[in-house]
């Protein structure tokens, strides 16, 4: 992954994502989409990064 595209304001520890930048645990995307796993989420467990792509 090209380190120049690192966006340090989007912190991420999901190392098996294609957008993960391991050097500083961030995302290479300029923005991400957050989606719901539950119909009515009541905690962070009910949400997910909808921009995730498996390496």
PDB file of N, CA and C in Angstrom:
ATOM      1  N   UNK A   1       0.834  -1.185   0.000  1.00  0.00           N
ATOM      2  CA  UNK A   1       0.000   0.000   0.000  1.00  0.00           C
ATOM      3  C   UNK A   1       0.874   1.243   0.000  1.00  0.00           C
ATOM      4  N   UNK A   2       0.477   2.250  -0.693  1.00  0.00           N
ATOM      5  CA  UNK A   2       1.225   3.495  -0.810  1.00  0.00           C
ATOM      6  C   UNK A   2       1.053   4.324   0.460  1.00  0.00           C
ATOM      7  N   UNK A   3       2.122   4.517   1.217  1.00  0.00           N
ATOM      8  CA  UNK A   3       2.056   5.240   2.476  1.00  0.00           C
ATOM      9  C   UNK A   3       1.688   6.707   2.285  1.00  0.00           C
ATOM     10  N   UNK A   4       1.881   7.273   1.084  1.00  0.00           N
ATOM     11  CA  UNK A   4       1.529   8.669   0.845  1.00  0.00           C
ATOM     12  C   UNK A   4       0.034   8.900   0.999  1.00  0.00           C
ATOM     13  N   UNK A   5      -0.774   7.863   0.828  1.00  0.00           N
ATOM     14  CA  UNK A   5      -2.221   7.992   0.894  1.00  0.00           C
ATOM     15  C   UNK A   5      -2.784   7.773   2.287  1.00  0.00           C
ATOM     16  N   UNK A   6      -1.939   7.703   3.281  1.00  0.00           N
ATOM     17  CA  UNK A   6      -2.381   7.491   4.649  1.00  0.00           C
ATOM     18  C   UNK A   6      -3.146   8.704   5.165  1.00  0.00           C
ATOM     19  N   UNK A   7      -4.299   8.455   5.765  1.00  0.00           N
ATOM     20  CA  UNK A   7      -5.093   9.512   6.391  1.00  0.00           C
ATOM     21  C   UNK A   7      -5.120   9.232   7.886  1.00  0.00           C
ATOM     22  N   UNK A   8      -4.220   9.871   8.600  1.00  0.00           N
ATOM     23  CA  UNK A   8      -4.025   9.569  10.016  1.00  0.00           C
ATOM     24  C   UNK A   8      -5.225   9.931  10.884  1.00  0.00           C
ATOM     25  N   UNK A   9      -6.162  10.707  10.362  1.00  0.00           N
ATOM     26  CA  UNK A   9      -7.346  11.045  11.148  1.00  0.00           C
ATOM     27  C   UNK A   9      -8.346   9.889  11.182  1.00  0.00           C
ATOM     28  N   UNK A  10      -8.170   8.889  10.307  1.00  0.00           N
ATOM     29  CA  UNK A  10      -9.017   7.696  10.335  1.00  0.00           C
ATOM     30  C   UNK A  10      -8.180   6.567  10.918  1.00  0.00           C
ATOM     31  N   UNK A  11      -8.280   6.353  12.204  1.00  0.00           N
ATOM     32  CA  UNK A  11      -7.525   5.321  12.891  1.00  0.00           C
ATOM     33  C   UNK A  11      -8.174   3.964  12.665  1.00  0.00           C
ATOM     34  N   UNK A  12      -7.363   2.931  12.453  1.00  0.00           N
ATOM     35  CA  UNK A  12      -7.874   1.593  12.166  1.00  0.00           C
ATOM     36  C   UNK A  12      -6.859   0.543  12.609  1.00  0.00           C
ATOM     37  N   UNK A  13      -7.343  -0.531  13.205  1.00  0.00           N
ATOM     38  CA  UNK A  13      -6.475  -1.635  13.609  1.00  0.00           C
ATOM     39  C   UNK A  13      -6.843  -2.936  12.908  1.00  0.00           C
ATOM     40  N   UNK A  14      -7.654  -2.875  11.858  1.00  0.00           N
ATOM     41  CA  UNK A  14      -8.081  -4.067  11.133  1.00  0.00           C
ATOM     42  C   UNK A  14      -7.035  -4.387  10.070  1.00  0.00           C
ATOM     43  N   UNK A  15      -6.060  -5.196  10.446  1.00  0.00           N
ATOM     44  CA  UNK A  15      -4.899  -5.433   9.589  1.00  0.00           C
ATOM     45  C   UNK A  15      -5.214  -6.248   8.338  1.00  0.00           C
ATOM     46  N   UNK A  16      -6.337  -6.953   8.291  1.00  0.00           N
ATOM     47  CA  UNK A  16      -6.669  -7.726   7.093  1.00  0.00           C
ATOM     48  C   UNK A  16      -7.546  -6.941   6.112  1.00  0.00           C
ATOM     49  N   UNK A  17      -7.675  -5.634   6.318  1.00  0.00           N
ATOM     50  CA  UNK A  17      -8.387  -4.771   5.381  1.00  0.00           C
ATOM     51  C   UNK A  17      -7.405  -4.247   4.329  1.00  0.00           C
ATOM     52  N   UNK A  18      -7.830  -4.189   3.091  1.00  0.00           N
ATOM     53  CA  UNK A  18      -6.982  -3.713   1.999  1.00  0.00           C
ATOM     54  C   UNK A  18      -6.598  -2.250   2.160  1.00  0.00           C
ATOM     55  N   UNK A  19      -7.356  -1.486   2.938  1.00  0.00           N
ATOM     56  CA  UNK A  19      -7.093  -0.058   3.112  1.00  0.00           C
ATOM     57  C   UNK A  19      -6.258   0.247   4.355  1.00  0.00           C
ATOM     58  N   UNK A  20      -5.922  -0.774   5.133  1.00  0.00           N
ATOM     59  CA  UNK A  20      -5.167  -0.598   6.381  1.00  0.00           C
ATOM     60  C   UNK A  20      -3.720  -0.201   6.098  1.00  0.00           C
ATOM     61  N   UNK A  21      -3.226   0.803   6.813  1.00  0.00           N
ATOM     62  CA  UNK A  21      -1.832   1.216   6.739  1.00  0.00           C
ATOM     63  C   UNK A  21      -1.168   0.812   8.049  1.00  0.00           C
ATOM     64  N   UNK A  22      -0.397  -0.256   8.017  1.00  0.00           N
ATOM     65  CA  UNK A  22       0.168  -0.846   9.227  1.00  0.00           C
ATOM     66  C   UNK A  22       1.154   0.068   9.944  1.00  0.00           C
ATOM     67  N   UNK A  23       1.867   0.884   9.203  1.00  0.00           N
ATOM     68  CA  UNK A  23       2.902   1.721   9.798  1.00  0.00           C
ATOM     69  C   UNK A  23       2.365   2.596  10.924  1.00  0.00           C
ATOM     70  N   UNK A  24       1.155   3.104  10.783  1.00  0.00           N
ATOM     71  CA  UNK A  24       0.593   3.966  11.833  1.00  0.00           C
ATOM     72  C   UNK A  24      -0.855   3.623  12.165  1.00  0.00           C
ATOM     73  N   UNK A  25      -1.289   2.394  11.879  1.00  0.00           N
ATOM     74  CA  UNK A  25      -2.647   1.940  12.182  1.00  0.00           C
ATOM     75  C   UNK A  25      -3.705   2.952  11.764  1.00  0.00           C
ATOM     76  N   UNK A  26      -3.724   3.236  10.473  1.00  0.00           N
ATOM     77  CA  UNK A  26      -4.726   4.159   9.946  1.00  0.00           C
ATOM     78  C   UNK A  26      -5.259   3.622   8.627  1.00  0.00           C
ATOM     79  N   UNK A  27      -6.185   4.371   8.050  1.00  0.00           N
ATOM     80  CA  UNK A  27      -6.843   3.980   6.811  1.00  0.00           C
ATOM     81  C   UNK A  27      -6.312   4.826   5.661  1.00  0.00           C
ATOM     82  N   UNK A  28      -6.140   4.215   4.507  1.00  0.00           N
ATOM     83  CA  UNK A  28      -5.638   4.948   3.345  1.00  0.00           C
ATOM     84  C   UNK A  28      -6.753   5.672   2.587  1.00  0.00           C
ATOM     85  N   UNK A  29      -8.000   5.424   2.947  1.00  0.00           N
ATOM     86  CA  UNK A  29      -9.111   6.109   2.286  1.00  0.00           C
ATOM     87  C   UNK A  29      -9.247   7.535   2.807  1.00  0.00           C
ATOM     88  N   UNK A  30      -9.719   8.439   1.986  1.00  0.00           N
ATOM     89  CA  UNK A  30      -9.919   9.823   2.432  1.00  0.00           C
ATOM     90  C   UNK A  30     -11.197   9.959   3.241  1.00  0.00           C
ATOM     91  N   UNK A  31     -12.115   9.011   3.079  1.00  0.00           N
ATOM     92  CA  UNK A  31     -13.323   8.956   3.893  1.00  0.00           C
ATOM     93  C   UNK A  31     -13.790   7.507   3.950  1.00  0.00           C
ATOM     94  N   UNK A  32     -14.560   7.180   4.980  1.00  0.00           N
ATOM     95  CA  UNK A  32     -15.108   5.833   5.110  1.00  0.00           C
ATOM     96  C   UNK A  32     -16.611   5.928   5.281  1.00  0.00           C
ATOM     97  N   UNK A  33     -17.280   4.810   5.078  1.00  0.00           N
ATOM     98  CA  UNK A  33     -18.718   4.723   5.284  1.00  0.00           C
ATOM     99  C   UNK A  33     -18.951   3.787   6.471  1.00  0.00           C
ATOM    100  N   UNK A  34     -19.734   4.229   7.442  1.00  0.00           N
ATOM    101  CA  UNK A  34     -20.077   3.407   8.594  1.00  0.00           C
ATOM    102  C   UNK A  34     -21.489   2.898   8.396  1.00  0.00           C
ATOM    103  N   UNK A  35     -21.658   1.590   8.533  1.00  0.00           N
ATOM    104  CA  UNK A  35     -22.966   0.979   8.345  1.00  0.00           C
ATOM    105  C   UNK A  35     -23.446   0.309   9.620  1.00  0.00           C
ATOM    106  N   UNK A  36     -24.681  -0.174   9.581  1.00  0.00           N
ATOM    107  CA  UNK A  36     -25.296  -0.848  10.734  1.00  0.00           C
ATOM    108  C   UNK A  36     -25.339  -2.349  10.510  1.00  0.00           C
ATOM    109  N   UNK A  37     -25.050  -3.095  11.566  1.00  0.00           N
ATOM    110  CA  UNK A  37     -25.194  -4.547  11.551  1.00  0.00           C
ATOM    111  C   UNK A  37     -26.565  -4.941  12.101  1.00  0.00           C
ATOM    112  N   UNK A  38     -27.080  -4.126  13.006  1.00  0.00           N
ATOM    113  CA  UNK A  38     -28.372  -4.355  13.633  1.00  0.00           C
ATOM    114  C   UNK A  38     -29.377  -3.353  13.078  1.00  0.00           C
ATOM    115  N   UNK A  39     -30.652  -3.709  13.127  1.00  0.00           N
ATOM    116  CA  UNK A  39     -31.668  -2.793  12.614  1.00  0.00           C
ATOM    117  C   UNK A  39     -31.764  -1.528  13.456  1.00  0.00           C
ATOM    118  N   UNK A  40     -31.531  -1.655  14.767  1.00  0.00           N
ATOM    119  CA  UNK A  40     -31.514  -0.497  15.670  1.00  0.00           C
ATOM    120  C   UNK A  40     -30.284  -0.636  16.568  1.00  0.00           C
ATOM    121  N   UNK A  41     -29.119  -0.158  16.122  1.00  0.00           N
ATOM    122  CA  UNK A  41     -27.904  -0.326  16.920  1.00  0.00           C
ATOM    123  C   UNK A  41     -27.972   0.471  18.224  1.00  0.00           C
ATOM    124  N   UNK A  42     -27.537  -0.163  19.300  1.00  0.00           N
ATOM    125  CA  UNK A  42     -27.530   0.488  20.610  1.00  0.00           C
ATOM    126  C   UNK A  42     -26.128   0.603  21.182  1.00  0.00           C
ATOM    127  N   UNK A  43     -25.129   0.068  20.456  1.00  0.00           N
ATOM    128  CA  UNK A  43     -23.735   0.171  20.879  1.00  0.00           C
ATOM    129  C   UNK A  43     -22.854   0.079  19.643  1.00  0.00           C
ATOM    130  N   UNK A  44     -21.559   0.268  19.819  1.00  0.00           N
ATOM    131  CA  UNK A  44     -20.657   0.202  18.669  1.00  0.00           C
ATOM    132  C   UNK A  44     -20.616  -1.195  18.061  1.00  0.00           C
ATOM    133  N   UNK A  45     -21.000  -2.218  18.812  1.00  0.00           N
ATOM    134  CA  UNK A  45     -21.044  -3.580  18.269  1.00  0.00           C
ATOM    135  C   UNK A  45     -22.081  -3.697  17.153  1.00  0.00           C
ATOM    136  N   UNK A  46     -23.035  -2.782  17.111  1.00  0.00           N
ATOM    137  CA  UNK A  46     -24.077  -2.813  16.094  1.00  0.00           C
ATOM    138  C   UNK A  46     -23.721  -2.039  14.849  1.00  0.00           C
ATOM    139  N   UNK A  47     -22.470  -1.567  14.754  1.00  0.00           N
ATOM    140  CA  UNK A  47     -22.023  -0.821  13.578  1.00  0.00           C
ATOM    141  C   UNK A  47     -20.777  -1.470  12.993  1.00  0.00           C
ATOM    142  N   UNK A  48     -20.438  -1.087  11.757  1.00  0.00           N
ATOM    143  CA  UNK A  48     -19.260  -1.633  11.101  1.00  0.00           C
ATOM    144  C   UNK A  48     -18.733  -0.644  10.073  1.00  0.00           C
ATOM    145  N   UNK A  49     -17.493  -0.823   9.688  1.00  0.00           N
ATOM    146  CA  UNK A  49     -16.924  -0.033   8.607  1.00  0.00           C
ATOM    147  C   UNK A  49     -17.397  -0.666   7.295  1.00  0.00           C
ATOM    148  N   UNK A  50     -18.288   0.009   6.602  1.00  0.00           N
ATOM    149  CA  UNK A  50     -18.832  -0.519   5.350  1.00  0.00           C
ATOM    150  C   UNK A  50     -17.857  -0.328   4.194  1.00  0.00           C
ATOM    151  N   UNK A  51     -16.724   0.303   4.435  1.00  0.00           N
ATOM    152  CA  UNK A  51     -15.693   0.481   3.408  1.00  0.00           C
ATOM    153  C   UNK A  51     -14.661  -0.638   3.437  1.00  0.00           C
ATOM    154  N   UNK A  52     -14.813  -1.591   4.355  1.00  0.00           N
ATOM    155  CA  UNK A  52     -13.867  -2.705   4.503  1.00  0.00           C
ATOM    156  C   UNK A  52     -13.772  -3.507   3.218  1.00  0.00           C
ATOM    157  N   UNK A  53     -12.541  -3.838   2.830  1.00  0.00           N
ATOM    158  CA  UNK A  53     -12.286  -4.762   1.726  1.00  0.00           C
ATOM    159  C   UNK A  53     -11.199  -5.727   2.185  1.00  0.00           C
ATOM    160  N   UNK A  54     -11.452  -6.997   2.079  1.00  0.00           N
ATOM    161  CA  UNK A  54     -10.485  -8.005   2.474  1.00  0.00           C
ATOM    162  C   UNK A  54      -9.255  -7.939   1.588  1.00  0.00           C
ATOM    163  N   UNK A  55      -8.078  -8.041   2.205  1.00  0.00           N
ATOM    164  CA  UNK A  55      -6.812  -8.031   1.445  1.00  0.00           C
ATOM    165  C   UNK A  55      -6.760  -9.191   0.496  1.00  0.00           C
TER     166      UNK A  55
END
